[in-house]
Amino acid sequence: MIKERDRRTPTAAEREANKAFKTVRPKEAMTDYAKAQKAVHDNRERLKAERLAREAEAANRTKAG
């Protein structure tokens, strides 16, 4: 266990380094997550457009035939 008197306060350089590393790490993880979510969303939209096109084509065939 660390005693209160044994703790040292971080220097200004250490504080700045910690701030920089804290902001970088979550962005990288979030970027990977965001990329995966965008890929899923884009694929879902593509499949939806294809399905709607097929349904419209089928509806046109039934009206014409």
N, C-alpha and C. Protein backbone atom coordinates (compact mmCIF):
# COMPACT_ATOMS: atom_id res chain seq x y z
N MET A 1 0.83 -1.17 0.00
CA MET A 1 0.00 0.00 0.00
C MET A 1 0.88 1.24 0.00
N ILE A 2 0.51 2.21 -0.81
CA ILE A 2 1.29 3.44 -0.89
C ILE A 2 0.81 4.39 0.20
N LYS A 3 1.75 4.83 0.97
CA LYS A 3 1.41 5.78 2.02
C LYS A 3 1.35 7.18 1.44
N GLU A 4 0.56 8.01 2.02
CA GLU A 4 0.35 9.36 1.53
C GLU A 4 1.67 10.14 1.45
N ARG A 5 2.50 9.98 2.41
CA ARG A 5 3.75 10.74 2.41
C ARG A 5 4.76 10.20 1.40
N ASP A 6 4.59 8.94 0.95
CA ASP A 6 5.51 8.36 -0.03
C ASP A 6 5.17 8.78 -1.45
N ARG A 7 3.99 9.28 -1.64
CA ARG A 7 3.57 9.72 -2.98
C ARG A 7 4.27 11.00 -3.36
N ARG A 8 4.65 11.09 -4.62
CA ARG A 8 5.23 12.34 -5.08
C ARG A 8 4.29 12.92 -6.13
N THR A 9 4.28 14.20 -6.21
CA THR A 9 3.42 14.83 -7.20
C THR A 9 4.11 14.77 -8.56
N PRO A 10 3.35 14.51 -9.61
CA PRO A 10 3.98 14.44 -10.94
C PRO A 10 4.44 15.82 -11.39
N THR A 11 5.48 15.81 -12.17
CA THR A 11 6.00 17.07 -12.69
C THR A 11 5.08 17.58 -13.80
N ALA A 12 5.30 18.79 -14.21
CA ALA A 12 4.48 19.38 -15.27
C ALA A 12 4.63 18.57 -16.56
N ALA A 13 5.83 18.12 -16.84
CA ALA A 13 6.07 17.33 -18.05
C ALA A 13 5.31 16.00 -17.98
N GLU A 14 5.32 15.37 -16.82
CA GLU A 14 4.60 14.11 -16.65
C GLU A 14 3.09 14.31 -16.82
N ARG A 15 2.58 15.40 -16.26
CA ARG A 15 1.14 15.68 -16.40
C ARG A 15 0.77 15.89 -17.86
N GLU A 16 1.58 16.63 -18.58
CA GLU A 16 1.32 16.87 -20.01
C GLU A 16 1.39 15.56 -20.79
N ALA A 17 2.36 14.71 -20.47
CA ALA A 17 2.49 13.43 -21.16
C ALA A 17 1.27 12.56 -20.87
N ASN A 18 0.83 12.52 -19.64
CA ASN A 18 -0.35 11.72 -19.29
C ASN A 18 -1.59 12.22 -20.02
N LYS A 19 -1.75 13.53 -20.12
CA LYS A 19 -2.90 14.10 -20.84
C LYS A 19 -2.85 13.68 -22.30
N ALA A 20 -1.66 13.75 -22.89
CA ALA A 20 -1.52 13.41 -24.31
C ALA A 20 -1.84 11.94 -24.54
N PHE A 21 -1.34 11.06 -23.69
CA PHE A 21 -1.59 9.63 -23.88
C PHE A 21 -3.04 9.27 -23.60
N LYS A 22 -3.66 9.92 -22.64
CA LYS A 22 -5.06 9.63 -22.35
C LYS A 22 -5.96 9.99 -23.52
N THR A 23 -5.67 11.08 -24.19
CA THR A 23 -6.53 11.49 -25.31
C THR A 23 -6.30 10.63 -26.54
N VAL A 24 -5.11 10.09 -26.72
CA VAL A 24 -4.82 9.29 -27.91
C VAL A 24 -5.43 7.91 -27.80
N ARG A 25 -5.29 7.25 -26.71
CA ARG A 25 -5.74 5.87 -26.57
C ARG A 25 -7.23 5.68 -26.84
N PRO A 26 -8.13 6.42 -26.21
CA PRO A 26 -9.55 6.21 -26.50
C PRO A 26 -9.93 6.51 -27.94
N LYS A 27 -9.30 7.49 -28.56
CA LYS A 27 -9.63 7.82 -29.94
C LYS A 27 -9.32 6.66 -30.86
N GLU A 28 -8.20 5.97 -30.63
CA GLU A 28 -7.85 4.83 -31.47
C GLU A 28 -8.88 3.73 -31.34
N ALA A 29 -9.29 3.42 -30.12
CA ALA A 29 -10.28 2.38 -29.91
C ALA A 29 -11.62 2.81 -30.51
N MET A 30 -11.98 4.04 -30.32
CA MET A 30 -13.24 4.53 -30.85
C MET A 30 -13.20 4.56 -32.36
N THR A 31 -12.05 4.85 -32.94
CA THR A 31 -11.93 4.88 -34.38
C THR A 31 -12.18 3.49 -34.96
N ASP A 32 -11.61 2.47 -34.34
CA ASP A 32 -11.84 1.10 -34.81
C ASP A 32 -13.32 0.75 -34.69
N TYR A 33 -13.92 1.11 -33.58
CA TYR A 33 -15.34 0.83 -33.38
C TYR A 33 -16.18 1.60 -34.40
N ALA A 34 -15.84 2.84 -34.62
CA ALA A 34 -16.59 3.66 -35.57
C ALA A 34 -16.46 3.11 -36.99
N LYS A 35 -15.27 2.65 -37.35
CA LYS A 35 -15.08 2.06 -38.67
C LYS A 35 -15.95 0.83 -38.84
N ALA A 36 -16.00 -0.01 -37.83
CA ALA A 36 -16.82 -1.23 -37.90
C ALA A 36 -18.29 -0.87 -38.00
N GLN A 37 -18.73 0.11 -37.22
CA GLN A 37 -20.14 0.51 -37.27
C GLN A 37 -20.49 1.12 -38.61
N LYS A 38 -19.59 1.90 -39.19
CA LYS A 38 -19.85 2.50 -40.50
C LYS A 38 -19.95 1.42 -41.56
N ALA A 39 -19.09 0.41 -41.49
CA ALA A 39 -19.13 -0.68 -42.46
C ALA A 39 -20.45 -1.44 -42.36
N VAL A 40 -20.91 -1.69 -41.15
CA VAL A 40 -22.19 -2.38 -40.95
C VAL A 40 -23.33 -1.54 -41.50
N HIS A 41 -23.31 -0.25 -41.19
CA HIS A 41 -24.37 0.65 -41.64
C HIS A 41 -24.40 0.74 -43.18
N ASP A 42 -23.23 0.90 -43.78
CA ASP A 42 -23.15 1.00 -45.25
C ASP A 42 -23.66 -0.28 -45.91
N ASN A 43 -23.27 -1.42 -45.35
CA ASN A 43 -23.72 -2.70 -45.91
C ASN A 43 -25.23 -2.84 -45.77
N ARG A 44 -25.78 -2.45 -44.63
CA ARG A 44 -27.22 -2.54 -44.43
C ARG A 44 -27.97 -1.64 -45.41
N GLU A 45 -27.45 -0.45 -45.63
CA GLU A 45 -28.08 0.47 -46.58
C GLU A 45 -28.02 -0.08 -48.01
N ARG A 46 -26.89 -0.69 -48.37
CA ARG A 46 -26.75 -1.27 -49.70
C ARG A 46 -27.74 -2.41 -49.90
N LEU A 47 -27.84 -3.28 -48.91
CA LEU A 47 -28.77 -4.40 -49.01
C LEU A 47 -30.22 -3.91 -49.05
N LYS A 48 -30.53 -2.88 -48.31
CA LYS A 48 -31.88 -2.32 -48.32
C LYS A 48 -32.21 -1.76 -49.70
N ALA A 49 -31.27 -1.06 -50.30
CA ALA A 49 -31.50 -0.50 -51.64
C ALA A 49 -31.71 -1.61 -52.66
N GLU A 50 -30.92 -2.68 -52.57
CA GLU A 50 -31.08 -3.80 -53.48
C GLU A 50 -32.45 -4.46 -53.30
N ARG A 51 -32.87 -4.64 -52.05
CA ARG A 51 -34.17 -5.26 -51.79
C ARG A 51 -35.30 -4.40 -52.32
N LEU A 52 -35.23 -3.08 -52.10
CA LEU A 52 -36.28 -2.20 -52.60
C LEU A 52 -36.33 -2.22 -54.13
N ALA A 53 -35.17 -2.30 -54.77
CA ALA A 53 -35.14 -2.37 -56.24
C ALA A 53 -35.78 -3.66 -56.72
N ARG A 54 -35.49 -4.76 -56.07
CA ARG A 54 -36.11 -6.04 -56.45
C ARG A 54 -37.62 -6.00 -56.26
N GLU A 55 -38.05 -5.43 -55.13
CA GLU A 55 -39.49 -5.35 -54.87
C GLU A 55 -40.18 -4.45 -55.89
N ALA A 56 -39.56 -3.34 -56.26
CA ALA A 56 -40.15 -2.45 -57.25
C ALA A 56 -40.23 -3.13 -58.61
N GLU A 57 -39.20 -3.87 -58.96
CA GLU A 57 -39.19 -4.60 -60.23
C GLU A 57 -40.27 -5.67 -60.23
N ALA A 58 -40.43 -6.36 -59.14
CA ALA A 58 -41.48 -7.39 -59.03
C ALA A 58 -42.86 -6.76 -59.12
N ALA A 59 -43.04 -5.60 -58.51
CA ALA A 59 -44.33 -4.93 -58.56
C ALA A 59 -44.64 -4.46 -59.99
N ASN A 60 -43.62 -4.00 -60.71
CA ASN A 60 -43.81 -3.57 -62.10
C ASN A 60 -44.16 -4.76 -62.99
N ARG A 61 -43.60 -5.92 -62.74
CA ARG A 61 -43.91 -7.11 -63.53
C ARG A 61 -45.36 -7.53 -63.32
N THR A 62 -45.82 -7.47 -62.08
CA THR A 62 -47.19 -7.91 -61.81
C THR A 62 -48.19 -6.92 -62.41
N LYS A 63 -47.86 -5.64 -62.45
CA LYS A 63 -48.76 -4.64 -63.05
C LYS A 63 -48.78 -4.79 -64.57
N ALA A 64 -47.64 -5.07 -65.17
CA ALA A 64 -47.54 -5.16 -66.63
C ALA A 64 -48.10 -6.50 -67.12
N GLY A 65 -48.04 -7.52 -66.34
CA GLY A 65 -48.39 -8.86 -66.81
C GLY A 65 -49.73 -9.32 -66.48
